[in-house]
């Protein structure tokens, strides 16, 4: 399980994309990504998550998002993209 904390925005998009793509198993692997520490998210951050999910699926694996922070839930709800990821939107108890 990997944890992302801080901003998931255009200012960190390239760095996070490279990091997450390198963290993907090369074949048939699954990656769990804990988003409880994300304090801010924009469309660039969303695009990073979508790209990594598609890359994982291309390798016969998947990306699972867990412990969505309120910032992540806000973006997912505004842009109606929760179905793309297929993970339940659950905010961690400490954040609720």
Protein backbone atom coordinates (compact mmCIF):
# COMPACT_ATOMS: atom_id res chain seq x y z
CA UNK A 1 0.00 0.00 0.00
CA UNK A 2 1.28 3.43 -0.93
CA UNK A 3 0.22 6.65 0.77
CA UNK A 4 -0.05 10.05 -0.88
CA UNK A 5 -0.05 13.11 1.31
CA UNK A 6 -0.24 16.80 0.58
CA UNK A 7 -1.36 18.22 -2.72
CA UNK A 8 -2.39 16.08 -5.67
CA UNK A 9 -2.36 19.02 -8.06
CA UNK A 10 -0.72 20.26 -11.22
CA UNK A 11 2.30 21.34 -9.18
CA UNK A 12 3.12 17.71 -8.32
CA UNK A 13 1.41 15.86 -11.17
CA UNK A 14 4.52 14.96 -13.17
CA UNK A 15 6.43 13.83 -10.08
CA UNK A 16 3.55 11.72 -8.75
CA UNK A 17 2.79 10.20 -12.14
CA UNK A 18 6.35 9.00 -12.55
CA UNK A 19 6.49 7.69 -8.96
CA UNK A 20 3.19 5.81 -9.22
CA UNK A 21 3.93 4.30 -12.61
CA UNK A 22 7.26 3.01 -11.29
CA UNK A 23 5.48 1.57 -8.25
CA UNK A 24 3.15 -0.54 -10.40
CA UNK A 25 4.06 -4.21 -10.54
CA UNK A 26 5.31 -5.16 -13.98
CA UNK A 27 2.65 -7.83 -14.52
CA UNK A 28 -0.61 -8.93 -12.97
CA UNK A 29 -0.14 -6.81 -9.89
CA UNK A 30 -2.45 -4.69 -7.87
CA UNK A 31 -1.57 -1.42 -6.20
CA UNK A 32 -3.52 0.00 -3.28
CA UNK A 33 -3.24 3.76 -2.93
CA UNK A 34 -4.23 5.42 0.34
CA UNK A 35 -5.52 8.93 -0.33
CA UNK A 36 -6.31 9.90 3.26
CA UNK A 37 -3.47 12.42 3.36
CA UNK A 38 -4.44 14.31 0.21
CA UNK A 39 -5.17 17.90 1.23
CA UNK A 40 -5.96 19.33 -2.20
CA UNK A 41 -6.74 17.82 -5.59
CA UNK A 42 -7.35 19.27 -9.04
CA UNK A 43 -8.00 17.90 -12.52
CA UNK A 44 -4.29 17.29 -13.12
CA UNK A 45 -4.20 15.08 -10.02
CA UNK A 46 -7.29 13.26 -11.22
CA UNK A 47 -5.64 12.67 -14.60
CA UNK A 48 -2.63 11.14 -12.84
CA UNK A 49 -4.87 8.68 -11.01
CA UNK A 50 -6.73 7.81 -14.22
CA UNK A 51 -3.48 7.27 -16.13
CA UNK A 52 -2.06 5.01 -13.42
CA UNK A 53 -5.29 2.98 -13.27
CA UNK A 54 -5.24 2.48 -17.04
CA UNK A 55 -1.55 1.51 -16.95
CA UNK A 56 -2.24 -1.04 -14.21
CA UNK A 57 -5.10 -2.56 -16.18
CA UNK A 58 -2.93 -2.74 -19.30
CA UNK A 59 -0.57 -4.93 -17.23
CA UNK A 60 -3.48 -7.16 -16.22
CA UNK A 61 -3.52 -5.60 -12.75
CA UNK A 62 -5.48 -2.82 -11.10
CA UNK A 63 -5.22 0.29 -8.98
CA UNK A 64 -7.42 0.45 -5.90
CA UNK A 65 -8.03 3.76 -4.14
CA UNK A 66 -8.75 3.64 -0.41
CA UNK A 67 -9.39 6.10 2.42
CA UNK A 68 -10.42 8.97 0.18
CA UNK A 69 -9.80 12.35 1.81
CA UNK A 70 -12.58 14.97 1.69
CA UNK A 71 -10.59 16.81 -1.03
CA UNK A 72 -10.60 13.70 -3.21
CA UNK A 73 -14.28 13.00 -2.61
CA UNK A 74 -15.14 16.59 -3.59
CA UNK A 75 -13.40 16.27 -6.96
CA UNK A 76 -14.85 12.82 -7.62
CA UNK A 77 -18.37 14.08 -6.87
CA UNK A 78 -18.06 17.30 -8.86
CA UNK A 79 -16.70 15.51 -11.93
CA UNK A 80 -18.76 12.33 -11.42
CA UNK A 81 -15.79 9.97 -11.92
CA UNK A 82 -16.25 7.52 -9.05
CA UNK A 83 -17.55 4.83 -11.42
CA UNK A 84 -14.35 5.01 -13.49
CA UNK A 85 -12.32 3.88 -10.50
CA UNK A 86 -14.89 1.41 -9.18
CA UNK A 87 -13.77 1.78 -5.56
CA UNK A 88 -16.22 2.74 -2.82
CA UNK A 89 -15.79 6.34 -1.71
CA UNK A 90 -15.00 5.92 1.94
CA UNK A 91 -13.58 8.68 4.08
CA UNK A 92 -11.37 7.41 6.90
CA UNK A 93 -12.86 7.66 10.39
CA UNK A 94 -10.21 10.12 11.52
CA UNK A 95 -11.17 12.49 8.68
CA UNK A 96 -14.95 12.21 8.92
